[in-house]
N, C-alpha and C. Protein backbone atom coordinates (compact mmCIF):
# COMPACT_ATOMS: atom_id res chain seq x y z
N UNK A 1 0.93 -1.27 -0.19
CA UNK A 1 -0.23 -0.01 0.08
C UNK A 1 0.71 1.18 0.09
N UNK A 2 1.95 1.45 0.64
CA UNK A 2 3.03 2.35 0.68
C UNK A 2 3.55 2.83 -0.74
N UNK A 3 3.77 1.84 -1.19
CA UNK A 3 4.48 2.14 -2.71
C UNK A 3 3.48 2.49 -3.99
N UNK A 4 1.89 1.98 -3.29
CA UNK A 4 0.92 2.54 -4.02
C UNK A 4 0.84 4.04 -4.09
N UNK A 5 0.75 4.33 -2.77
CA UNK A 5 0.58 6.47 -2.65
C UNK A 5 1.52 6.82 -3.00
N UNK A 6 2.80 6.13 -2.91
CA UNK A 6 4.39 6.97 -3.01
C UNK A 6 4.13 7.29 -4.70
N UNK A 7 4.02 6.19 -5.37
CA UNK A 7 3.68 5.66 -6.86
C UNK A 7 2.55 7.14 -7.21
N UNK A 8 1.45 6.94 -6.63
CA UNK A 8 0.27 7.98 -7.45
C UNK A 8 0.86 9.28 -6.75
N UNK A 9 1.00 9.67 -5.95
CA UNK A 9 1.67 11.20 -5.26
C UNK A 9 2.35 11.45 -6.54
N UNK A 10 3.64 10.36 -7.02
CA UNK A 10 4.51 10.99 -7.92
C UNK A 10 3.66 11.36 -9.34
N UNK A 11 2.82 10.70 -9.40
CA UNK A 11 2.27 10.46 -10.84
C UNK A 11 1.18 11.87 -10.49
N UNK A 12 0.92 11.96 -9.65
CA UNK A 12 -0.10 13.45 -9.39
C UNK A 12 0.70 14.78 -9.74
N UNK A 13 2.04 14.05 -8.77
CA UNK A 13 3.02 15.39 -8.85
C UNK A 13 3.59 15.69 -10.61
N UNK A 14 3.48 14.96 -11.10
CA UNK A 14 4.49 15.10 -12.41
C UNK A 14 3.54 15.04 -13.38
N UNK A 15 2.19 14.75 -13.21
CA UNK A 15 1.30 15.07 -13.97
C UNK A 15 0.86 16.55 -14.64
N UNK A 16 0.57 17.61 -13.54
CA UNK A 16 1.09 18.91 -14.41
C UNK A 16 1.80 19.38 -15.31
N UNK A 17 2.75 19.09 -14.96
CA UNK A 17 4.15 18.93 -15.63
C UNK A 17 4.11 18.66 -17.39
N UNK A 18 2.99 17.66 -17.46
CA UNK A 18 3.59 16.58 -18.67
C UNK A 18 2.59 17.14 -19.64
N UNK A 19 1.44 18.25 -19.20
CA UNK A 19 0.48 18.36 -19.86
C UNK A 19 -0.34 19.51 -19.38
N UNK A 20 -0.40 20.81 -19.82
CA UNK A 20 -1.02 21.46 -19.15
C UNK A 20 -2.70 21.87 -19.60
N UNK A 21 -3.08 20.28 -20.07
CA UNK A 21 -4.35 20.79 -20.23
C UNK A 21 -4.69 19.85 -19.73
N UNK A 22 -4.44 18.76 -18.48
CA UNK A 22 -4.57 17.88 -17.82
C UNK A 22 -4.45 18.79 -16.44
N UNK A 23 -5.76 18.42 -15.56
CA UNK A 23 -5.61 19.18 -14.44
C UNK A 23 -5.54 18.05 -13.10
N UNK A 24 -5.99 16.80 -13.54
CA UNK A 24 -5.86 15.75 -12.34
C UNK A 24 -5.93 14.00 -13.23
N UNK A 25 -6.36 13.72 -12.44
CA UNK A 25 -5.78 12.43 -13.42
C UNK A 25 -6.73 11.96 -13.61
N UNK A 26 -7.97 11.89 -12.97
CA UNK A 26 -9.19 11.65 -13.67
C UNK A 26 -10.09 12.24 -15.34
N UNK A 27 -8.66 13.30 -15.17
CA UNK A 27 -9.37 14.29 -16.70
C UNK A 27 -8.31 13.54 -17.90
N UNK A 28 -7.55 12.26 -17.98
CA UNK A 28 -7.12 11.60 -18.48
C UNK A 28 -8.22 10.41 -18.94
N UNK A 29 -8.18 10.15 -20.72
CA UNK A 29 -9.16 9.58 -20.86
C UNK A 29 -8.26 8.69 -22.22
N UNK A 30 -8.30 7.49 -21.58
CA UNK A 30 -7.78 6.40 -22.56
C UNK A 30 -8.25 5.21 -23.58
N UNK A 31 -9.95 5.93 -23.43
CA UNK A 31 -10.46 4.81 -24.50
C UNK A 31 -10.31 4.89 -25.31
N UNK A 32 -9.85 6.36 -26.03
CA UNK A 32 -9.84 5.93 -27.84
C UNK A 32 -8.62 5.65 -28.30
N UNK A 33 -7.90 5.72 -27.19
CA UNK A 33 -6.44 4.77 -27.68
C UNK A 33 -6.70 3.48 -27.32
N UNK A 34 -7.01 3.19 -26.48
CA UNK A 34 -7.44 1.61 -26.39
C UNK A 34 -7.96 0.97 -27.31
N UNK A 35 -8.97 1.93 -27.90
CA UNK A 35 -10.09 1.08 -28.94
C UNK A 35 -8.99 1.22 -30.59
N UNK A 36 -8.31 2.31 -30.85
CA UNK A 36 -6.99 2.14 -31.82
C UNK A 36 -6.34 1.81 -31.96
N UNK A 37 -6.08 0.41 -31.13
CA UNK A 37 -5.27 -0.71 -31.20
C UNK A 37 -5.34 -1.66 -31.52
N UNK A 38 -5.45 -2.02 -32.99
CA UNK A 38 -5.83 -3.36 -33.97
C UNK A 38 -5.47 -4.29 -33.57
N UNK A 39 -6.26 -5.52 -33.21
CA UNK A 39 -5.73 -7.00 -32.55
C UNK A 39 -4.22 -7.33 -33.56
N UNK A 40 -3.90 -6.91 -35.13
CA UNK A 40 -3.67 -7.62 -35.93
C UNK A 40 -2.06 -6.84 -35.31
N UNK A 41 -2.23 -6.26 -35.06
CA UNK A 41 -0.83 -5.28 -34.63
C UNK A 41 0.16 -5.80 -33.36
N UNK A 42 -0.74 -6.60 -32.49
CA UNK A 42 -0.63 -7.43 -30.58
C UNK A 42 0.24 -8.31 -31.48
N UNK A 43 1.70 -8.71 -30.57
CA UNK A 43 2.55 -10.19 -31.21
C UNK A 43 1.42 -10.97 -31.16
N UNK A 44 2.48 -11.87 -31.58
CA UNK A 44 1.38 -13.55 -31.47
C UNK A 44 1.33 -13.91 -29.89
N UNK A 45 0.08 -14.68 -30.12
CA UNK A 45 -0.18 -15.41 -28.75
C UNK A 45 0.25 -16.94 -28.68
N UNK A 46 0.80 -17.31 -27.87
CA UNK A 46 0.49 -18.79 -27.55
C UNK A 46 -0.76 -19.03 -27.47
N UNK A 47 -1.33 -20.54 -28.16
CA UNK A 47 -2.74 -20.27 -26.92
C UNK A 47 -2.89 -22.06 -26.32
N UNK A 48 -1.48 -22.64 -26.93
CA UNK A 48 -1.36 -23.75 -26.42
C UNK A 48 0.19 -24.37 -26.38
N UNK A 49 0.61 -24.83 -25.01
CA UNK A 49 2.22 -25.53 -25.00
C UNK A 49 2.48 -26.53 -24.94
N UNK A 50 2.89 -27.12 -24.96
CA UNK A 50 3.15 -29.27 -24.33
C UNK A 50 4.56 -29.58 -24.78
N UNK A 51 5.15 -30.59 -24.27
CA UNK A 51 6.05 -30.86 -24.59
C UNK A 51 5.99 -32.20 -25.36
N UNK A 52 6.79 -32.63 -25.97
CA UNK A 52 7.03 -34.07 -26.97
C UNK A 52 6.99 -35.02 -25.94
N UNK A 53 6.38 -36.28 -26.07
CA UNK A 53 6.37 -37.43 -25.47
C UNK A 53 7.26 -38.33 -26.55
N UNK A 54 8.12 -39.02 -25.58
CA UNK A 54 9.02 -39.93 -26.78
C UNK A 54 8.20 -41.64 -26.69
N UNK A 55 7.69 -41.96 -27.99
CA UNK A 55 7.18 -43.63 -28.30
C UNK A 55 7.90 -44.37 -27.93
N UNK A 56 9.42 -44.42 -28.41
CA UNK A 56 10.54 -45.44 -28.35
C UNK A 56 11.41 -45.00 -28.14
N UNK A 57 12.45 -45.51 -26.99
CA UNK A 57 13.80 -44.97 -26.29
C UNK A 57 14.68 -45.02 -27.78
N UNK A 58 14.80 -45.77 -28.57
CA UNK A 58 15.70 -45.75 -29.87
C UNK A 58 15.34 -44.55 -30.62
N UNK A 59 14.37 -43.76 -30.96
CA UNK A 59 13.66 -42.89 -31.58
C UNK A 59 13.37 -41.64 -30.25
N UNK A 60 14.01 -40.68 -30.84
CA UNK A 60 13.62 -40.05 -29.18
C UNK A 60 13.73 -38.54 -30.05
N UNK A 61 12.02 -37.68 -29.64
CA UNK A 61 11.73 -36.72 -30.17
C UNK A 61 11.80 -35.68 -28.21
N UNK A 62 12.23 -34.47 -28.43
CA UNK A 62 11.98 -33.78 -27.40
C UNK A 62 11.88 -32.39 -27.94
N UNK A 63 11.33 -31.94 -26.72
CA UNK A 63 11.06 -30.28 -26.79
C UNK A 63 10.14 -29.66 -26.72
N UNK A 64 9.62 -28.29 -26.86
CA UNK A 64 8.52 -27.74 -26.76
C UNK A 64 7.64 -27.80 -27.98
N UNK A 65 5.98 -27.72 -28.14
CA UNK A 65 5.73 -27.46 -29.13
C UNK A 65 4.95 -26.27 -28.62
N UNK A 66 4.45 -25.08 -29.41
CA UNK A 66 3.32 -24.18 -29.64
C UNK A 66 2.10 -24.07 -30.28
N UNK A 67 1.57 -23.83 -30.46
CA UNK A 67 0.52 -22.96 -31.17
C UNK A 67 0.09 -21.80 -30.87
N UNK A 68 0.63 -21.15 -32.17
CA UNK A 68 0.54 -19.98 -31.87
C UNK A 68 -0.22 -19.22 -32.92
N UNK A 69 -1.21 -17.67 -32.61
CA UNK A 69 -1.93 -17.17 -33.43
C UNK A 69 -1.68 -15.90 -33.74
N UNK A 70 -1.58 -15.93 -34.76
CA UNK A 70 -1.02 -14.57 -35.01
C UNK A 70 -1.39 -13.81 -36.59
N UNK A 71 -2.28 -12.79 -36.82
CA UNK A 71 -2.66 -12.33 -37.51
C UNK A 71 -3.63 -13.21 -38.20
N UNK A 72 -4.55 -13.73 -37.45
CA UNK A 72 -5.71 -14.25 -37.62
C UNK A 72 -5.48 -15.82 -38.03
N UNK A 73 -3.79 -16.25 -38.45
CA UNK A 73 -3.46 -17.84 -38.65
C UNK A 73 -3.07 -17.70 -37.73
N UNK A 74 -2.69 -19.86 -37.51
CA UNK A 74 -2.37 -20.79 -36.51
C UNK A 74 -1.32 -20.95 -36.97
N UNK A 75 -0.45 -21.49 -35.97
CA UNK A 75 1.11 -22.14 -36.52
C UNK A 75 1.85 -23.14 -35.34
N UNK A 76 1.93 -24.31 -35.88
CA UNK A 76 2.83 -25.38 -34.60
C UNK A 76 3.84 -24.78 -34.67
N UNK A 77 4.62 -24.14 -33.89
CA UNK A 77 5.95 -23.89 -33.21
C UNK A 77 6.53 -24.73 -32.53
N UNK A 78 7.74 -25.20 -33.14
CA UNK A 78 8.61 -25.77 -32.61
C UNK A 78 10.08 -25.38 -31.90
N UNK A 79 9.78 -25.15 -30.23
CA UNK A 79 10.86 -24.66 -29.40
C UNK A 79 12.43 -24.47 -29.94
N UNK A 80 13.43 -23.95 -29.66
CA UNK A 80 14.65 -23.97 -29.88
C UNK A 80 15.15 -25.19 -29.42
N UNK A 81 14.51 -25.63 -28.25
CA UNK A 81 14.41 -27.09 -27.68
C UNK A 81 14.16 -28.24 -28.26
N UNK A 82 14.00 -28.15 -29.68
CA UNK A 82 13.05 -29.23 -30.05
C UNK A 82 14.38 -30.05 -30.83
N UNK A 83 14.32 -31.57 -30.94
CA UNK A 83 15.43 -32.07 -31.24
C UNK A 83 14.66 -33.55 -31.51
N UNK A 84 14.73 -34.10 -32.59
CA UNK A 84 14.85 -35.65 -33.08
C UNK A 84 15.80 -36.33 -33.29
N UNK A 85 15.25 -37.14 -33.95
CA UNK A 85 16.44 -38.76 -34.46
C UNK A 85 16.63 -38.29 -36.41
N UNK A 86 17.59 -38.68 -36.96
CA UNK A 86 17.31 -38.71 -38.31
C UNK A 86 16.13 -39.56 -38.99
N UNK A 87 15.51 -40.01 -40.21
CA UNK A 87 14.21 -40.53 -40.78
C UNK A 87 14.32 -40.38 -41.89
N UNK A 88 13.38 -41.17 -42.38
CA UNK A 88 12.89 -41.02 -43.87
C UNK A 88 12.17 -40.54 -44.12
N UNK A 89 11.44 -39.62 -44.99
CA UNK A 89 10.13 -38.98 -44.83
C UNK A 89 9.23 -38.61 -43.63
N UNK A 90 10.17 -38.24 -43.00
CA UNK A 90 9.75 -37.24 -41.18
C UNK A 90 8.63 -35.86 -41.90
N UNK A 91 7.04 -36.54 -41.65
CA UNK A 91 6.20 -35.58 -41.76
C UNK A 91 5.87 -34.91 -40.70
N UNK A 92 5.11 -33.88 -39.97
CA UNK A 92 4.54 -33.10 -39.11
C UNK A 92 2.94 -33.43 -39.64
N UNK A 93 2.24 -34.20 -38.56
CA UNK A 93 0.75 -34.38 -38.50
C UNK A 93 0.26 -34.12 -37.31
N UNK A 94 -0.99 -33.89 -37.61
CA UNK A 94 -1.88 -33.83 -36.65
C UNK A 94 -2.87 -34.97 -36.16
N UNK A 95 -2.54 -35.32 -35.24
CA UNK A 95 -3.35 -36.51 -35.05
C UNK A 95 -4.45 -36.83 -33.93
N UNK A 96 -5.90 -37.68 -34.23
CA UNK A 96 -7.36 -37.25 -33.80
C UNK A 96 -7.04 -37.46 -32.02
N UNK A 97 -5.85 -38.31 -31.70
CA UNK A 97 -5.91 -38.86 -30.39
C UNK A 97 -4.69 -38.00 -29.56
N UNK A 98 -5.09 -37.71 -28.31
CA UNK A 98 -4.10 -36.72 -27.17
C UNK A 98 -2.90 -37.78 -27.40
N UNK A 99 -2.99 -39.18 -27.26
CA UNK A 99 -1.63 -39.71 -27.54
C UNK A 99 -1.41 -40.86 -28.85
N UNK A 100 -0.68 -40.95 -29.47
CA UNK A 100 0.20 -41.46 -30.64
C UNK A 100 0.73 -43.06 -30.56
N UNK A 101 0.47 -43.96 -30.86
CA UNK A 101 1.29 -45.08 -31.07
C UNK A 101 2.31 -45.05 -31.91
N UNK A 102 3.18 -45.86 -31.64
CA UNK A 102 4.45 -46.09 -32.26
C UNK A 102 3.91 -46.41 -34.01
N UNK A 103 2.65 -47.16 -34.17
CA UNK A 103 2.13 -47.30 -36.18
C UNK A 103 0.85 -46.14 -35.56
N UNK A 104 0.53 -45.77 -36.59
CA UNK A 104 -0.91 -44.85 -36.72
C UNK A 104 -1.73 -45.65 -38.03
N UNK A 105 -2.91 -45.04 -37.80
CA UNK A 105 -4.14 -45.90 -38.41
C UNK A 105 -4.20 -44.64 -40.01
N UNK A 106 -4.12 -45.15 -40.75
CA UNK A 106 -4.88 -44.31 -41.99
C UNK A 106 -6.34 -43.54 -41.51
N UNK A 107 -6.40 -42.25 -41.89
CA UNK A 107 -7.88 -41.44 -41.78
C UNK A 107 -7.82 -41.00 -40.07
N UNK A 108 -6.66 -41.25 -38.89
CA UNK A 108 -6.34 -40.69 -37.72
C UNK A 108 -5.90 -39.39 -37.95
N UNK A 109 -5.09 -39.19 -38.81
CA UNK A 109 -3.69 -38.16 -38.63
C UNK A 109 -4.55 -37.31 -40.13
N UNK A 110 -3.47 -36.01 -40.03
CA UNK A 110 -3.65 -34.82 -41.62
C UNK A 110 -2.18 -35.12 -41.69
N UNK A 111 -1.45 -34.73 -42.90
CA UNK A 111 -0.37 -34.46 -43.13
C UNK A 111 -0.16 -33.00 -42.66
N UNK A 112 0.58 -32.29 -42.30
CA UNK A 112 0.83 -30.63 -42.20
C UNK A 112 1.98 -30.72 -43.27
N UNK A 113 2.85 -30.91 -43.00
CA UNK A 113 4.35 -30.64 -43.75
C UNK A 113 5.64 -31.89 -43.70
N UNK A 114 6.62 -31.57 -44.57
CA UNK A 114 7.98 -32.64 -44.14
C UNK A 114 8.55 -31.50 -43.16
N UNK A 115 9.23 -32.09 -42.61
CA UNK A 115 9.76 -31.75 -40.72
C UNK A 115 10.54 -30.77 -42.09
N UNK A 116 11.24 -29.49 -41.26
CA UNK A 116 12.13 -28.48 -42.05
C UNK A 116 13.73 -28.81 -41.43
N UNK A 117 13.49 -29.27 -39.90
CA UNK A 117 15.14 -29.39 -39.45
C UNK A 117 14.76 -30.51 -38.02
N UNK A 118 15.78 -30.72 -37.81
CA UNK A 118 15.88 -31.97 -37.05
C UNK A 118 16.05 -31.60 -35.89
N UNK A 119 16.19 -29.97 -35.80
CA UNK A 119 16.47 -29.17 -34.15
C UNK A 119 16.30 -28.10 -34.65
N UNK A 120 15.83 -27.48 -33.38
CA UNK A 120 15.58 -26.61 -33.07
C UNK A 120 14.21 -25.56 -33.79
N UNK A 121 14.48 -24.67 -33.37
CA UNK A 121 12.83 -23.40 -33.76
C UNK A 121 12.21 -23.46 -35.46
N UNK A 122 11.41 -23.95 -35.35
CA UNK A 122 10.60 -24.23 -36.81
C UNK A 122 8.81 -23.84 -37.01
N UNK A 123 8.28 -23.82 -37.74
CA UNK A 123 6.92 -23.21 -37.77
C UNK A 123 6.06 -23.58 -38.55
N UNK A 124 5.09 -24.30 -38.74
CA UNK A 124 4.24 -24.74 -40.10
C UNK A 124 2.85 -24.46 -39.38
N UNK A 125 2.50 -23.52 -40.92
CA UNK A 125 1.40 -23.29 -40.73
C UNK A 125 0.25 -24.15 -40.86
N UNK A 126 -0.73 -23.73 -40.09
CA UNK A 126 -1.96 -24.99 -39.95
C UNK A 126 -2.99 -24.30 -41.33
N UNK A 127 -3.22 -25.24 -41.77
CA UNK A 127 -4.03 -25.04 -43.42
C UNK A 127 -5.35 -24.45 -42.80
N UNK A 128 -5.46 -23.59 -43.87
CA UNK A 128 -7.12 -22.45 -43.41
C UNK A 128 -8.20 -23.75 -43.13
N UNK A 129 -8.58 -23.85 -42.93
CA UNK A 129 -10.17 -24.40 -42.75
C UNK A 129 -10.01 -25.62 -41.86
N UNK A 130 -8.85 -26.09 -41.08
CA UNK A 130 -8.63 -27.21 -40.46
C UNK A 130 -8.89 -26.67 -38.60
N UNK A 131 -9.36 -27.00 -38.08
CA UNK A 131 -9.92 -26.95 -36.39
C UNK A 131 -9.14 -28.11 -35.78
N UNK A 132 -8.35 -27.04 -34.84
CA UNK A 132 -7.78 -28.03 -34.41
C UNK A 132 -8.06 -27.97 -32.76
N UNK A 133 -9.25 -27.74 -32.76
CA UNK A 133 -10.22 -28.30 -31.81
C UNK A 133 -10.28 -30.28 -32.14
N UNK A 134 -10.07 -30.36 -33.28
CA UNK A 134 -10.97 -31.57 -33.76
C UNK A 134 -9.72 -33.19 -33.76
N UNK A 135 -8.24 -32.46 -32.99
CA UNK A 135 -7.12 -33.09 -32.91
C UNK A 135 -6.42 -32.91 -32.18
N UNK A 136 -6.20 -34.20 -31.38
CA UNK A 136 -5.36 -34.03 -29.78
C UNK A 136 -3.98 -33.83 -29.69
N UNK A 137 -3.54 -34.11 -30.95
CA UNK A 137 -1.71 -33.99 -30.74
C UNK A 137 -0.67 -33.71 -32.25
N UNK A 138 0.02 -33.17 -31.95
CA UNK A 138 1.22 -32.79 -33.20
C UNK A 138 2.33 -33.82 -33.23
N UNK A 139 2.41 -34.80 -34.11
CA UNK A 139 3.62 -35.74 -33.89
C UNK A 139 4.34 -35.55 -35.01
N UNK A 140 5.60 -36.07 -34.65
CA UNK A 140 6.73 -36.65 -36.06
C UNK A 140 6.88 -37.78 -36.46
N UNK A 141 6.40 -38.47 -37.66
CA UNK A 141 5.85 -39.46 -38.30
C UNK A 141 7.03 -39.99 -39.44
N UNK A 142 7.74 -40.84 -39.53
CA UNK A 142 8.12 -41.54 -40.39
C UNK A 142 6.46 -42.49 -41.21
N UNK A 143 6.72 -41.69 -42.42
CA UNK A 143 5.88 -42.13 -43.92
C UNK A 143 6.17 -43.67 -44.43
N UNK A 144 6.85 -43.46 -44.61
CA UNK A 144 8.04 -44.95 -45.17
C UNK A 144 8.00 -46.17 -44.40
N UNK A 145 8.24 -45.91 -42.99
CA UNK A 145 8.11 -47.05 -42.28
C UNK A 145 6.99 -47.34 -41.15
N UNK A 146 6.00 -45.94 -41.16
CA UNK A 146 4.99 -45.84 -40.37
C UNK A 146 5.52 -46.01 -39.08
N UNK A 147 6.47 -44.98 -38.70
CA UNK A 147 6.70 -45.20 -36.77
C UNK A 147 6.31 -43.56 -36.47
N UNK A 148 6.36 -43.32 -35.85
CA UNK A 148 5.94 -42.04 -34.60
C UNK A 148 7.05 -41.92 -34.13
N UNK A 149 8.05 -40.54 -34.20
CA UNK A 149 8.66 -40.66 -33.43
C UNK A 149 8.72 -39.76 -31.84
N UNK A 150 7.68 -39.21 -31.93
CA UNK A 150 7.32 -38.29 -30.64
C UNK A 150 5.93 -37.56 -31.28
N UNK A 151 5.63 -37.68 -29.81
CA UNK A 151 4.07 -36.52 -30.45
C UNK A 151 4.29 -35.41 -28.82
N UNK A 152 3.17 -34.36 -29.35
CA UNK A 152 2.77 -33.22 -28.38
C UNK A 152 1.75 -33.01 -28.27
N UNK A 153 0.97 -33.02 -26.87
CA UNK A 153 -0.76 -33.11 -26.93
C UNK A 153 -1.00 -31.47 -27.16
N UNK A 154 -1.95 -31.46 -28.07
CA UNK A 154 -2.54 -30.10 -28.19
C UNK A 154 -3.32 -29.39 -27.20
């Protein structure tokens, strides 16, 4: 409470010197300023964040996954701590279940993109019209051998 009183006292004493048209703190109208903020000018925000789960000890995928909303679009973003092992035909998929087994069944997933990198930050666009509420996880999956390398819940 003492800090608040000190701060408000300082603010009220400085306020008259900042603007001659403002006579008290009650005279400040910030409504127009708040209304002028465009939501698209705001920074991206993470709506979901989770950790990758290892499915097989020999095929480890670790790191952070975030779902990002930016300018009306959604993205799957792997954090700087993301790492997986090398494999052929590695794909990023959305899976209908929150947990993903070593093998997956046709029709239970949607392929988003081939993997960009085995390590580090990377971002994948969620296709327009895809409702993430219909999916439970994001997985790194080898299409050629139908092997899940790891997944993270949405």
